[in-house]
Amino acid sequence: MLDTVLSNWPLKLLALGLAFAIWVSVTGENRVVQDFRVPLEVEVPNDLIPAQSPPTTVSVRLRGAESVMRRLDPVPIVVRADLRDASAGEQEVLLRRDDVGGVPRGVEIDFIDPDRLPLDLEARSRRELPVEPTILGQPADGFAFYTAQVAPGKLRVEGPASQVDQLEVLRTTPIRLDGRTETFVVRAAVAPEGELVRVLEPDALSVRVVVDAAAVERRLENLTVEPVGAPAGSTVKPEALHVILSGPARLVDRLAPDQVRLYADVTRAPGEANRIEVPVRVELLGLAPDERARIQVKSISRRQVQVTLSGRRSL
């Protein structure tokens, strides 16, 4: 046994000496500290969402041998806080050394700054909201802006209930009209109000902006008001009204009086009285949708008329 131990003893002694030298060089090497700004990821239950944006990074102080720290790549290092079992309400997030991932072997974690964060969790809400274009500027002289059509007209959003439930509309990024002389189509995005509200669908929208020749006005007189849903023999007072239309001359001037129809819809009037006040509705017939978008009813001589029913109205 002793012969076995002593065989090749010079080589064994040399190996032992080299191992001791390496150990001394490593353990005796200067240890340094360094601060890194690393990503912070907070995991919450699927039905909850932070009411305010938590910090996206925190500072982590690491300690290790100088040679190791000099070669350290901070990219894989991340702090993950697991709140998947949390409930709605105010929380205090405690960040521990165990939450730090991606730290190489031989490197110690001194501390995390900050090591605790306030977090308010609330219900996650989704809604579908209409989209309205944001139009800025003026077309060239002699031209006017008439309307803008957004496609799709509605988008779904998601975020904290306190922010989503207050929204009534989504507005696009600004679309400028400066110098325009004709209808054009642009791509736009939406910018929802609320720090943590996001659009679930792709946020690229198509907006068709209608620009045409400046509007002119035309007055059409003595247009008969037709009662809708009233029994035969019912009367309207006044029975004829005047309407002023506005739009490009080539469209407004060619309208025939029988294309402008006035209706008093008694089926929408509440109650069962025989004499009722009914709003007047104006409809333009024989126009393509694109043409109708360019014509506006500027005024009507009376917004309501009195309908006297000859019998019980049909509902």
C-alpha atoms as a PDB file:
ATOM      1  CA  MET A   1       0.000   0.000   0.000  1.00  0.00           C
ATOM      2  CA  LEU A   2       2.790   2.411   0.923  1.00  0.00           C
ATOM      3  CA  ASP A   3       4.580   1.591  -2.318  1.00  0.00           C
ATOM      4  CA  THR A   4       1.463   2.570  -4.240  1.00  0.00           C
ATOM      5  CA  VAL A   5       1.215   5.911  -2.435  1.00  0.00           C
ATOM      6  CA  LEU A   6       4.873   6.710  -2.950  1.00  0.00           C
ATOM      7  CA  SER A   7       5.035   5.686  -6.609  1.00  0.00           C
ATOM      8  CA  ASN A   8       5.555   8.699  -8.883  1.00  0.00           C
ATOM      9  CA  TRP A   9       5.624  10.859  -5.782  1.00  0.00           C
ATOM     10  CA  PRO A  10       7.438  13.739  -7.516  1.00  0.00           C
ATOM     11  CA  LEU A  11       4.554  14.145 -10.029  1.00  0.00           C
ATOM     12  CA  LYS A  12       1.934  13.836  -7.302  1.00  0.00           C
ATOM     13  CA  LEU A  13       3.711  16.436  -5.210  1.00  0.00           C
ATOM     14  CA  LEU A  14       3.869  18.768  -8.210  1.00  0.00           C
ATOM     15  CA  ALA A  15       0.138  18.360  -8.883  1.00  0.00           C
ATOM     16  CA  LEU A  16      -0.659  19.054  -5.250  1.00  0.00           C
ATOM     17  CA  GLY A  17       1.488  22.153  -5.342  1.00  0.00           C
ATOM     18  CA  LEU A  18      -0.211  23.434  -8.517  1.00  0.00           C
ATOM     19  CA  ALA A  19      -3.672  22.874  -7.047  1.00  0.00           C
ATOM     20  CA  PHE A  20      -2.665  24.727  -3.907  1.00  0.00           C
ATOM     21  CA  ALA A  21      -1.263  27.588  -5.964  1.00  0.00           C
ATOM     22  CA  ILE A  22      -4.498  27.904  -7.987  1.00  0.00           C
ATOM     23  CA  TRP A  23      -6.587  27.849  -4.804  1.00  0.00           C
ATOM     24  CA  VAL A  24      -4.420  30.546  -3.269  1.00  0.00           C
ATOM     25  CA  SER A  25      -4.624  32.685  -6.420  1.00  0.00           C
ATOM     26  CA  VAL A  26      -8.426  32.428  -6.567  1.00  0.00           C
ATOM     27  CA  THR A  27      -9.193  32.829  -2.894  1.00  0.00           C
ATOM     28  CA  GLY A  28      -6.612  35.502  -2.505  1.00  0.00           C
ATOM     29  CA  GLU A  29      -7.850  37.527  -5.526  1.00  0.00           C
ATOM     30  CA  ASN A  30      -9.406  40.889  -4.773  1.00  0.00           C
ATOM     31  CA  ARG A  31     -13.185  40.781  -4.489  1.00  0.00           C
ATOM     32  CA  VAL A  32     -15.064  43.720  -5.919  1.00  0.00           C
ATOM     33  CA  VAL A  33     -18.642  44.952  -5.836  1.00  0.00           C
ATOM     34  CA  GLN A  34     -20.590  46.393  -8.733  1.00  0.00           C
ATOM     35  CA  ASP A  35     -24.121  47.744  -9.137  1.00  0.00           C
ATOM     36  CA  PHE A  36     -26.262  46.679 -12.110  1.00  0.00           C
ATOM     37  CA  ARG A  37     -29.599  48.036 -13.326  1.00  0.00           C
ATOM     38  CA  VAL A  38     -31.601  44.938 -14.241  1.00  0.00           C
ATOM     39  CA  PRO A  39     -35.178  44.280 -15.431  1.00  0.00           C
ATOM     40  CA  LEU A  40     -37.971  43.759 -12.919  1.00  0.00           C
ATOM     41  CA  GLU A  41     -40.799  41.374 -13.873  1.00  0.00           C
ATOM     42  CA  VAL A  42     -43.921  41.202 -11.694  1.00  0.00           C
ATOM     43  CA  GLU A  43     -46.244  38.249 -12.262  1.00  0.00           C
ATOM     44  CA  VAL A  44     -49.879  38.783 -11.183  1.00  0.00           C
ATOM     45  CA  PRO A  45     -53.090  36.714 -11.519  1.00  0.00           C
ATOM     46  CA  ASN A  46     -54.662  36.741 -14.996  1.00  0.00           C
ATOM     47  CA  ASP A  47     -57.808  38.519 -13.774  1.00  0.00           C
ATOM     48  CA  LEU A  48     -55.889  41.330 -12.043  1.00  0.00           C
ATOM     49  CA  ILE A  49     -53.674  44.152 -13.285  1.00  0.00           C
ATOM     50  CA  PRO A  50     -51.617  46.877 -11.554  1.00  0.00           C
ATOM     51  CA  ALA A  51     -53.486  50.180 -11.256  1.00  0.00           C
ATOM     52  CA  GLN A  52     -50.200  52.029 -11.873  1.00  0.00           C
ATOM     53  CA  SER A  53     -47.124  50.949 -13.770  1.00  0.00           C
ATOM     54  CA  PRO A  54     -44.597  49.312 -11.435  1.00  0.00           C
ATOM     55  CA  PRO A  55     -40.896  50.113 -11.976  1.00  0.00           C
ATOM     56  CA  THR A  56     -39.414  48.227 -14.907  1.00  0.00           C
ATOM     57  CA  THR A  57     -35.906  48.007 -13.391  1.00  0.00           C
ATOM     58  CA  VAL A  58     -34.229  47.774  -9.997  1.00  0.00           C
ATOM     59  CA  SER A  59     -30.617  48.032  -8.850  1.00  0.00           C
ATOM     60  CA  VAL A  60     -28.776  44.866  -7.791  1.00  0.00           C
ATOM     61  CA  ARG A  61     -25.347  44.965  -6.102  1.00  0.00           C
ATOM     62  CA  LEU A  62     -23.178  41.922  -6.874  1.00  0.00           C
ATOM     63  CA  ARG A  63     -19.894  40.853  -5.269  1.00  0.00           C
ATOM     64  CA  GLY A  64     -17.272  38.523  -6.714  1.00  0.00           C
ATOM     65  CA  ALA A  65     -13.689  37.977  -7.736  1.00  0.00           C
ATOM     66  CA  GLU A  66     -12.327  40.805  -9.856  1.00  0.00           C
ATOM     67  CA  SER A  67     -11.607  38.541 -12.829  1.00  0.00           C
ATOM     68  CA  VAL A  68     -15.143  37.117 -12.718  1.00  0.00           C
ATOM     69  CA  MET A  69     -16.824  40.495 -12.328  1.00  0.00           C
ATOM     70  CA  ARG A  70     -14.826  41.934 -15.187  1.00  0.00           C
ATOM     71  CA  ARG A  71     -16.245  39.269 -17.542  1.00  0.00           C
ATOM     72  CA  LEU A  72     -19.778  39.333 -16.091  1.00  0.00           C
ATOM     73  CA  ASP A  73     -22.579  39.750 -18.652  1.00  0.00           C
ATOM     74  CA  PRO A  74     -25.550  41.458 -16.921  1.00  0.00           C
ATOM     75  CA  VAL A  75     -28.017  40.762 -19.760  1.00  0.00           C
ATOM     76  CA  PRO A  76     -29.355  37.432 -18.363  1.00  0.00           C
ATOM     77  CA  ILE A  77     -29.858  38.890 -14.876  1.00  0.00           C
ATOM     78  CA  VAL A  78     -33.500  39.605 -13.999  1.00  0.00           C
ATOM     79  CA  VAL A  79     -35.570  40.059 -10.837  1.00  0.00           C
ATOM     80  CA  ARG A  80     -38.908  38.206 -10.862  1.00  0.00           C
ATOM     81  CA  ALA A  81     -41.555  38.872  -8.229  1.00  0.00           C
ATOM     82  CA  ASP A  82     -44.231  36.171  -8.104  1.00  0.00           C
ATOM     83  CA  LEU A  83     -47.616  37.608  -7.047  1.00  0.00           C
ATOM     84  CA  ARG A  84     -49.788  35.058  -8.839  1.00  0.00           C
ATOM     85  CA  ASP A  85     -51.533  34.184  -5.569  1.00  0.00           C
ATOM     86  CA  ALA A  86     -52.232  37.814  -4.638  1.00  0.00           C
ATOM     87  CA  SER A  87     -55.723  39.295  -4.323  1.00  0.00           C
ATOM     88  CA  ALA A  88     -57.081  42.673  -5.405  1.00  0.00           C
ATOM     89  CA  GLY A  89     -56.042  45.679  -3.346  1.00  0.00           C
ATOM     90  CA  GLU A  90     -52.854  47.287  -2.114  1.00  0.00           C
ATOM     91  CA  GLN A  91     -49.848  45.002  -1.892  1.00  0.00           C
ATOM     92  CA  GLU A  92     -46.243  45.345  -0.735  1.00  0.00           C
ATOM     93  CA  VAL A  93     -43.882  43.495  -3.028  1.00  0.00           C
ATOM     94  CA  LEU A  94     -40.833  42.160  -1.169  1.00  0.00           C
ATOM     95  CA  LEU A  95     -37.832  41.513  -3.406  1.00  0.00           C
ATOM     96  CA  ARG A  96     -35.507  38.827  -2.058  1.00  0.00           C
ATOM     97  CA  ARG A  97     -32.181  37.477  -3.196  1.00  0.00           C
ATOM     98  CA  ASP A  98     -33.960  34.315  -4.339  1.00  0.00           C
ATOM     99  CA  ASP A  99     -35.927  36.442  -6.830  1.00  0.00           C
ATOM    100  CA  VAL A 100     -32.753  37.331  -8.724  1.00  0.00           C
ATOM    101  CA  GLY A 101     -32.045  34.999 -11.633  1.00  0.00           C
ATOM    102  CA  GLY A 102     -29.188  34.741 -14.105  1.00  0.00           C
ATOM    103  CA  VAL A 103     -26.385  35.383 -11.601  1.00  0.00           C
ATOM    104  CA  PRO A 104     -23.330  33.186 -12.395  1.00  0.00           C
ATOM    105  CA  ARG A 105     -21.857  30.779  -9.868  1.00  0.00           C
ATOM    106  CA  GLY A 106     -19.342  32.361  -7.523  1.00  0.00           C
ATOM    107  CA  VAL A 107     -21.039  35.763  -7.544  1.00  0.00           C
ATOM    108  CA  GLU A 108     -22.909  36.887  -4.427  1.00  0.00           C
ATOM    109  CA  ILE A 109     -25.925  39.169  -4.230  1.00  0.00           C
ATOM    110  CA  ASP A 110     -25.344  41.909  -1.661  1.00  0.00           C
ATOM    111  CA  PHE A 111     -28.715  43.669  -1.885  1.00  0.00           C
ATOM    112  CA  ILE A 112     -31.561  44.840  -4.117  1.00  0.00           C
ATOM    113  CA  ASP A 113     -32.573  48.499  -4.228  1.00  0.00           C
ATOM    114  CA  PRO A 114     -35.419  49.070  -3.659  1.00  0.00           C
ATOM    115  CA  ASP A 115     -36.133  45.799  -1.898  1.00  0.00           C
ATOM    116  CA  ARG A 116     -39.867  46.481  -1.479  1.00  0.00           C
ATOM    117  CA  LEU A 117     -42.434  48.157  -3.722  1.00  0.00           C
ATOM    118  CA  PRO A 118     -46.040  49.282  -3.188  1.00  0.00           C
ATOM    119  CA  LEU A 119     -48.444  47.800  -5.752  1.00  0.00           C
ATOM    120  CA  ASP A 120     -52.203  48.273  -6.118  1.00  0.00           C
ATOM    121  CA  LEU A 121     -53.948  45.445  -7.966  1.00  0.00           C
ATOM    122  CA  GLU A 122     -57.434  45.795  -9.411  1.00  0.00           C
ATOM    123  CA  ALA A 123     -59.757  43.904 -11.725  1.00  0.00           C
ATOM    124  CA  ARG A 124     -58.780  43.609 -15.380  1.00  0.00           C
ATOM    125  CA  SER A 125     -61.490  45.078 -17.638  1.00  0.00           C
ATOM    126  CA  ARG A 126     -62.195  44.819 -21.387  1.00  0.00           C
ATOM    127  CA  ARG A 127     -64.491  46.998 -23.511  1.00  0.00           C
ATOM    128  CA  GLU A 128     -65.203  47.769 -27.150  1.00  0.00           C
ATOM    129  CA  LEU A 129     -65.050  51.490 -27.906  1.00  0.00           C
ATOM    130  CA  PRO A 130     -65.783  53.615 -30.984  1.00  0.00           C
ATOM    131  CA  VAL A 131     -62.840  55.242 -32.753  1.00  0.00           C
ATOM    132  CA  GLU A 132     -62.944  58.914 -33.730  1.00  0.00           C
ATOM    133  CA  PRO A 133     -60.354  60.624 -35.953  1.00  0.00           C
ATOM    134  CA  THR A 134     -58.318  63.592 -34.718  1.00  0.00           C
ATOM    135  CA  ILE A 135     -58.266  66.134 -37.551  1.00  0.00           C
ATOM    136  CA  LEU A 136     -55.953  69.159 -37.500  1.00  0.00           C
ATOM    137  CA  GLY A 137     -55.259  72.001 -39.904  1.00  0.00           C
ATOM    138  CA  GLN A 138     -57.160  73.398 -42.896  1.00  0.00           C
ATOM    139  CA  PRO A 139     -57.350  72.313 -46.567  1.00  0.00           C
ATOM    140  CA  ALA A 140     -56.160  74.600 -49.355  1.00  0.00           C
ATOM    141  CA  ASP A 141     -58.164  77.750 -50.133  1.00  0.00           C
ATOM    142  CA  GLY A 142     -61.417  76.941 -51.898  1.00  0.00           C
ATOM    143  CA  PHE A 143     -61.663  73.475 -50.334  1.00  0.00           C
ATOM    144  CA  ALA A 144     -63.270  72.093 -47.188  1.00  0.00           C
ATOM    145  CA  PHE A 145     -63.129  69.079 -44.894  1.00  0.00           C
ATOM    146  CA  TYR A 146     -66.425  67.157 -44.813  1.00  0.00           C
ATOM    147  CA  THR A 147     -65.990  63.942 -42.871  1.00  0.00           C
ATOM    148  CA  ALA A 148     -63.548  61.192 -41.924  1.00  0.00           C
ATOM    149  CA  GLN A 149     -64.344  57.475 -41.921  1.00  0.00           C
ATOM    150  CA  VAL A 150     -62.299  55.141 -39.722  1.00  0.00           C
ATOM    151  CA  ALA A 151     -61.953  51.415 -40.374  1.00  0.00           C
ATOM    152  CA  PRO A 152     -62.402  49.526 -38.170  1.00  0.00           C
ATOM    153  CA  GLY A 153     -64.821  51.854 -36.408  1.00  0.00           C
ATOM    154  CA  LYS A 154     -64.480  50.090 -33.045  1.00  0.00           C
ATOM    155  CA  LEU A 155     -61.590  48.516 -31.127  1.00  0.00           C
ATOM    156  CA  ARG A 156     -61.337  46.453 -27.943  1.00  0.00           C
ATOM    157  CA  VAL A 157     -59.192  47.724 -25.096  1.00  0.00           C
ATOM    158  CA  GLU A 158     -57.962  46.188 -21.859  1.00  0.00           C
ATOM    159  CA  GLY A 159     -56.667  47.662 -18.642  1.00  0.00           C
ATOM    160  CA  PRO A 160     -57.485  48.456 -15.007  1.00  0.00           C
ATOM    161  CA  ALA A 161     -61.233  48.735 -14.521  1.00  0.00           C
ATOM    162  CA  SER A 162     -60.912  52.227 -12.994  1.00  0.00           C
ATOM    163  CA  GLN A 163     -59.325  53.491 -16.224  1.00  0.00           C
ATOM    164  CA  VAL A 164     -61.170  51.436 -18.862  1.00  0.00           C
ATOM    165  CA  ASP A 165     -64.644  52.119 -17.449  1.00  0.00           C
ATOM    166  CA  GLN A 166     -64.131  55.884 -17.753  1.00  0.00           C
ATOM    167  CA  LEU A 167     -63.408  55.772 -21.487  1.00  0.00           C
ATOM    168  CA  GLU A 168     -66.147  56.619 -23.974  1.00  0.00           C
ATOM    169  CA  VAL A 169     -64.162  56.895 -27.207  1.00  0.00           C
ATOM    170  CA  LEU A 170     -60.721  56.204 -28.659  1.00  0.00           C
ATOM    171  CA  ARG A 171     -59.065  58.992 -30.623  1.00  0.00           C
ATOM    172  CA  THR A 172     -56.539  58.518 -33.399  1.00  0.00           C
ATOM    173  CA  THR A 173     -53.170  60.155 -33.633  1.00  0.00           C
ATOM    174  CA  PRO A 174     -53.439  63.568 -35.382  1.00  0.00           C
ATOM    175  CA  ILE A 175     -54.204  63.680 -39.109  1.00  0.00           C
ATOM    176  CA  ARG A 176     -53.334  66.995 -40.787  1.00  0.00           C
ATOM    177  CA  LEU A 177     -55.321  68.590 -43.603  1.00  0.00           C
ATOM    178  CA  ASP A 178     -52.840  71.333 -44.512  1.00  0.00           C
ATOM    179  CA  GLY A 179     -52.932  72.092 -48.231  1.00  0.00           C
ATOM    180  CA  ARG A 180     -55.176  69.163 -49.161  1.00  0.00           C
ATOM    181  CA  THR A 181     -57.400  69.491 -52.233  1.00  0.00           C
ATOM    182  CA  GLU A 182     -58.948  66.027 -52.492  1.00  0.00           C
ATOM    183  CA  THR A 183     -60.018  62.984 -50.525  1.00  0.00           C
ATOM    184  CA  PHE A 184     -57.148  60.878 -49.164  1.00  0.00           C
ATOM    185  CA  VAL A 185     -56.555  57.737 -47.100  1.00  0.00           C
ATOM    186  CA  VAL A 186     -53.964  57.521 -44.314  1.00  0.00           C
ATOM    187  CA  ARG A 187     -52.847  55.020 -41.712  1.00  0.00           C
ATOM    188  CA  ALA A 188     -53.238  56.070 -38.096  1.00  0.00           C
ATOM    189  CA  ALA A 189     -52.914  54.622 -34.627  1.00  0.00           C
ATOM    190  CA  VAL A 190     -54.982  55.130 -31.503  1.00  0.00           C
ATOM    191  CA  ALA A 191     -53.675  56.655 -28.312  1.00  0.00           C
ATOM    192  CA  PRO A 192     -56.013  55.534 -25.502  1.00  0.00           C
ATOM    193  CA  GLU A 193     -56.185  57.593 -22.356  1.00  0.00           C
ATOM    194  CA  GLY A 194     -55.104  55.803 -19.216  1.00  0.00           C
ATOM    195  CA  GLU A 195     -51.567  54.803 -18.376  1.00  0.00           C
ATOM    196  CA  LEU A 196     -52.151  51.056 -18.521  1.00  0.00           C
ATOM    197  CA  VAL A 197     -54.933  50.838 -21.122  1.00  0.00           C
ATOM    198  CA  ARG A 198     -53.867  48.956 -24.235  1.00  0.00           C
ATOM    199  CA  VAL A 199     -55.559  48.134 -27.530  1.00  0.00           C
ATOM    200  CA  LEU A 200     -56.069  44.394 -28.044  1.00  0.00           C
ATOM    201  CA  GLU A 201     -56.388  44.530 -31.837  1.00  0.00           C
ATOM    202  CA  PRO A 202     -53.636  45.815 -34.139  1.00  0.00           C
ATOM    203  CA  ASP A 203     -53.579  49.578 -33.691  1.00  0.00           C
ATOM    204  CA  ALA A 204     -53.046  50.446 -37.382  1.00  0.00           C
ATOM    205  CA  LEU A 205     -56.245  52.000 -38.718  1.00  0.00           C
ATOM    206  CA  SER A 206     -57.314  53.161 -42.150  1.00  0.00           C
ATOM    207  CA  VAL A 207     -58.824  56.649 -42.162  1.00  0.00           C
ATOM    208  CA  ARG A 208     -60.541  58.026 -45.254  1.00  0.00           C
ATOM    209  CA  VAL A 209     -60.596  61.820 -45.050  1.00  0.00           C
ATOM    210  CA  VAL A 210     -63.124  63.488 -47.349  1.00  0.00           C
ATOM    211  CA  VAL A 211     -61.931  66.823 -48.782  1.00  0.00           C
ATOM    212  CA  ASP A 212     -63.835  68.516 -51.593  1.00  0.00           C
ATOM    213  CA  ALA A 213     -64.666  71.916 -53.027  1.00  0.00           C
ATOM    214  CA  ALA A 214     -65.772  74.466 -50.445  1.00  0.00           C
ATOM    215  CA  ALA A 215     -69.451  74.224 -49.546  1.00  0.00           C
ATOM    216  CA  VAL A 216     -72.211  76.343 -50.980  1.00  0.00           C
ATOM    217  CA  GLU A 217     -75.718  76.665 -49.581  1.00  0.00           C
ATOM    218  CA  ARG A 218     -79.036  75.994 -51.249  1.00  0.00           C
ATOM    219  CA  ARG A 219     -82.494  76.752 -49.896  1.00  0.00           C
ATOM    220  CA  LEU A 220     -85.370  74.436 -50.776  1.00  0.00           C
ATOM    221  CA  GLU A 221     -88.827  75.769 -49.950  1.00  0.00           C
ATOM    222  CA  ASN A 222     -92.251  74.287 -49.290  1.00  0.00           C
ATOM    223  CA  LEU A 223     -91.160  70.706 -48.787  1.00  0.00           C
ATOM    224  CA  THR A 224     -94.080  68.595 -47.601  1.00  0.00           C
ATOM    225  CA  VAL A 225     -93.761  66.843 -44.229  1.00  0.00           C
ATOM    226  CA  GLU A 226     -94.949  63.239 -44.439  1.00  0.00           C
ATOM    227  CA  PRO A 227     -96.305  61.560 -41.273  1.00  0.00           C
ATOM    228  CA  VAL A 228     -94.996  58.051 -40.696  1.00  0.00           C
ATOM    229  CA  GLY A 229     -97.090  55.526 -38.775  1.00  0.00           C
ATOM    230  CA  ALA A 230    -100.144  57.812 -38.654  1.00  0.00           C
ATOM    231  CA  PRO A 231    -103.665  56.717 -39.694  1.00  0.00           C
ATOM    232  CA  ALA A 232    -105.020  57.895 -43.034  1.00  0.00           C
ATOM    233  CA  GLY A 233    -106.492  61.373 -42.809  1.00  0.00           C
ATOM    234  CA  SER A 234    -104.037  62.598 -40.159  1.00  0.00           C
ATOM    235  CA  THR A 235    -102.820  66.167 -40.601  1.00  0.00           C
ATOM    236  CA  VAL A 236     -99.480  67.875 -40.069  1.00  0.00           C
ATOM    237  CA  LYS A 237     -99.072  71.499 -39.012  1.00  0.00           C
ATOM    238  CA  PRO A 238     -97.254  73.204 -40.617  1.00  0.00           C
ATOM    239  CA  GLU A 239     -97.518  70.841 -43.545  1.00  0.00           C
ATOM    240  CA  ALA A 240     -94.496  72.264 -45.429  1.00  0.00           C
ATOM    241  CA  LEU A 241     -91.078  73.508 -44.303  1.00  0.00           C
ATOM    242  CA  HIS A 242     -87.960  75.159 -45.705  1.00  0.00           C
ATOM    243  CA  VAL A 243     -84.566  73.417 -45.631  1.00  0.00           C
ATOM    244  CA  ILE A 244     -81.065  74.804 -46.226  1.00  0.00           C
ATOM    245  CA  LEU A 245     -78.487  72.306 -47.466  1.00  0.00           C
ATOM    246  CA  SER A 246     -74.722  72.773 -47.621  1.00  0.00           C
ATOM    247  CA  GLY A 247     -72.136  70.950 -49.720  1.00  0.00           C
ATOM    248  CA  PRO A 248     -70.099  71.047 -52.947  1.00  0.00           C
ATOM    249  CA  ALA A 249     -71.963  72.944 -55.666  1.00  0.00           C
ATOM    250  CA  ARG A 250     -71.893  70.053 -58.139  1.00  0.00           C
ATOM    251  CA  LEU A 251     -73.864  67.911 -55.651  1.00  0.00           C
ATOM    252  CA  VAL A 252     -76.174  70.429 -53.989  1.00  0.00           C
ATOM    253  CA  ASP A 253     -77.244  72.196 -57.160  1.00  0.00           C
ATOM    254  CA  ARG A 254     -78.335  69.024 -58.909  1.00  0.00           C
ATOM    255  CA  LEU A 255     -80.618  67.814 -56.113  1.00  0.00           C
ATOM    256  CA  ALA A 256     -84.265  67.721 -57.150  1.00  0.00           C
ATOM    257  CA  PRO A 257     -86.847  68.759 -54.540  1.00  0.00           C
ATOM    258  CA  ASP A 258     -88.322  65.236 -54.485  1.00  0.00           C
ATOM    259  CA  GLN A 259     -84.926  63.900 -53.386  1.00  0.00           C
ATOM    260  CA  VAL A 260     -85.216  65.841 -50.118  1.00  0.00           C
ATOM    261  CA  ARG A 261     -87.869  64.137 -47.996  1.00  0.00           C
ATOM    262  CA  LEU A 262     -89.183  65.304 -44.625  1.00  0.00           C
ATOM    263  CA  TYR A 263     -90.699  62.774 -42.218  1.00  0.00           C
ATOM    264  CA  ALA A 264     -92.541  63.056 -38.910  1.00  0.00           C
ATOM    265  CA  ASP A 265     -92.374  59.594 -37.370  1.00  0.00           C
ATOM    266  CA  VAL A 266     -95.226  59.311 -34.894  1.00  0.00           C
ATOM    267  CA  THR A 267     -94.362  55.702 -34.039  1.00  0.00           C
ATOM    268  CA  ARG A 268     -91.488  57.014 -31.918  1.00  0.00           C
ATOM    269  CA  ALA A 269     -93.654  59.496 -30.001  1.00  0.00           C
ATOM    270  CA  PRO A 270     -94.584  58.436 -26.448  1.00  0.00           C
ATOM    271  CA  GLY A 271     -98.145  58.280 -25.148  1.00  0.00           C
ATOM    272  CA  GLU A 272    -101.437  57.847 -26.941  1.00  0.00           C
ATOM    273  CA  ALA A 273    -102.618  61.468 -27.388  1.00  0.00           C
ATOM    274  CA  ASN A 274    -104.273  62.328 -30.709  1.00  0.00           C
ATOM    275  CA  ARG A 275    -102.337  65.601 -31.070  1.00  0.00           C
ATOM    276  CA  ILE A 276     -98.587  65.252 -30.623  1.00  0.00           C
ATOM    277  CA  GLU A 277     -95.357  67.152 -31.270  1.00  0.00           C
ATOM    278  CA  VAL A 278     -93.013  65.095 -33.454  1.00  0.00           C
ATOM    279  CA  PRO A 279     -89.382  65.802 -34.522  1.00  0.00           C
ATOM    280  CA  VAL A 280     -88.775  66.212 -38.252  1.00  0.00           C
ATOM    281  CA  ARG A 281     -86.268  63.906 -39.948  1.00  0.00           C
ATOM    282  CA  VAL A 282     -84.598  64.872 -43.240  1.00  0.00           C
ATOM    283  CA  GLU A 283     -83.526  62.178 -45.707  1.00  0.00           C
ATOM    284  CA  LEU A 284     -81.693  62.668 -48.995  1.00  0.00           C
ATOM    285  CA  LEU A 285     -82.627  60.097 -51.618  1.00  0.00           C
ATOM    286  CA  GLY A 286     -80.805  58.894 -54.726  1.00  0.00           C
ATOM    287  CA  LEU A 287     -77.302  59.678 -53.457  1.00  0.00           C
ATOM    288  CA  ALA A 288     -74.337  57.364 -53.123  1.00  0.00           C
ATOM    289  CA  PRO A 289     -72.973  57.093 -49.551  1.00  0.00           C
ATOM    290  CA  ASP A 290     -69.861  59.017 -50.555  1.00  0.00           C
ATOM    291  CA  GLU A 291     -72.011  61.850 -51.935  1.00  0.00           C
ATOM    292  CA  ARG A 292     -74.302  61.862 -48.901  1.00  0.00           C
ATOM    293  CA  ALA A 293     -71.274  62.323 -46.641  1.00  0.00           C
ATOM    294  CA  ARG A 294     -70.555  65.639 -48.361  1.00  0.00           C
ATOM    295  CA  ILE A 295     -74.015  67.182 -47.876  1.00  0.00           C
ATOM    296  CA  GLN A 296     -75.136  68.656 -44.571  1.00  0.00           C
ATOM    297  CA  VAL A 297     -78.558  69.858 -43.459  1.00  0.00           C
ATOM    298  CA  LYS A 298     -77.620  73.320 -42.222  1.00  0.00           C
ATOM    299  CA  SER A 299     -81.054  74.312 -40.985  1.00  0.00           C
ATOM    300  CA  ILE A 300     -84.746  73.543 -41.121  1.00  0.00           C
ATOM    301  CA  SER A 301     -87.478  76.102 -40.547  1.00  0.00           C
ATOM    302  CA  ARG A 302     -88.951  73.992 -37.728  1.00  0.00           C
ATOM    303  CA  ARG A 303     -87.466  71.082 -35.883  1.00  0.00           C
ATOM    304  CA  GLN A 304     -90.841  69.798 -34.719  1.00  0.00           C
ATOM    305  CA  VAL A 305     -94.322  69.708 -36.193  1.00  0.00           C
ATOM    306  CA  GLN A 306     -97.744  69.025 -34.721  1.00  0.00           C
ATOM    307  CA  VAL A 307     -99.484  65.881 -35.946  1.00  0.00           C
ATOM    308  CA  THR A 308    -103.206  65.476 -35.386  1.00  0.00           C
ATOM    309  CA  LEU A 309    -104.227  61.855 -35.687  1.00  0.00           C
ATOM    310  CA  SER A 310    -107.517  60.911 -37.329  1.00  0.00           C
ATOM    311  CA  GLY A 311    -107.620  57.698 -35.313  1.00  0.00           C
ATOM    312  CA  ARG A 312    -105.416  55.331 -33.340  1.00  0.00           C
ATOM    313  CA  ARG A 313    -101.857  55.331 -34.661  1.00  0.00           C
ATOM    314  CA  SER A 314    -100.193  52.106 -35.732  1.00  0.00           C
ATOM    315  CA  LEU A 315     -97.354  50.970 -33.467  1.00  0.00           C
END
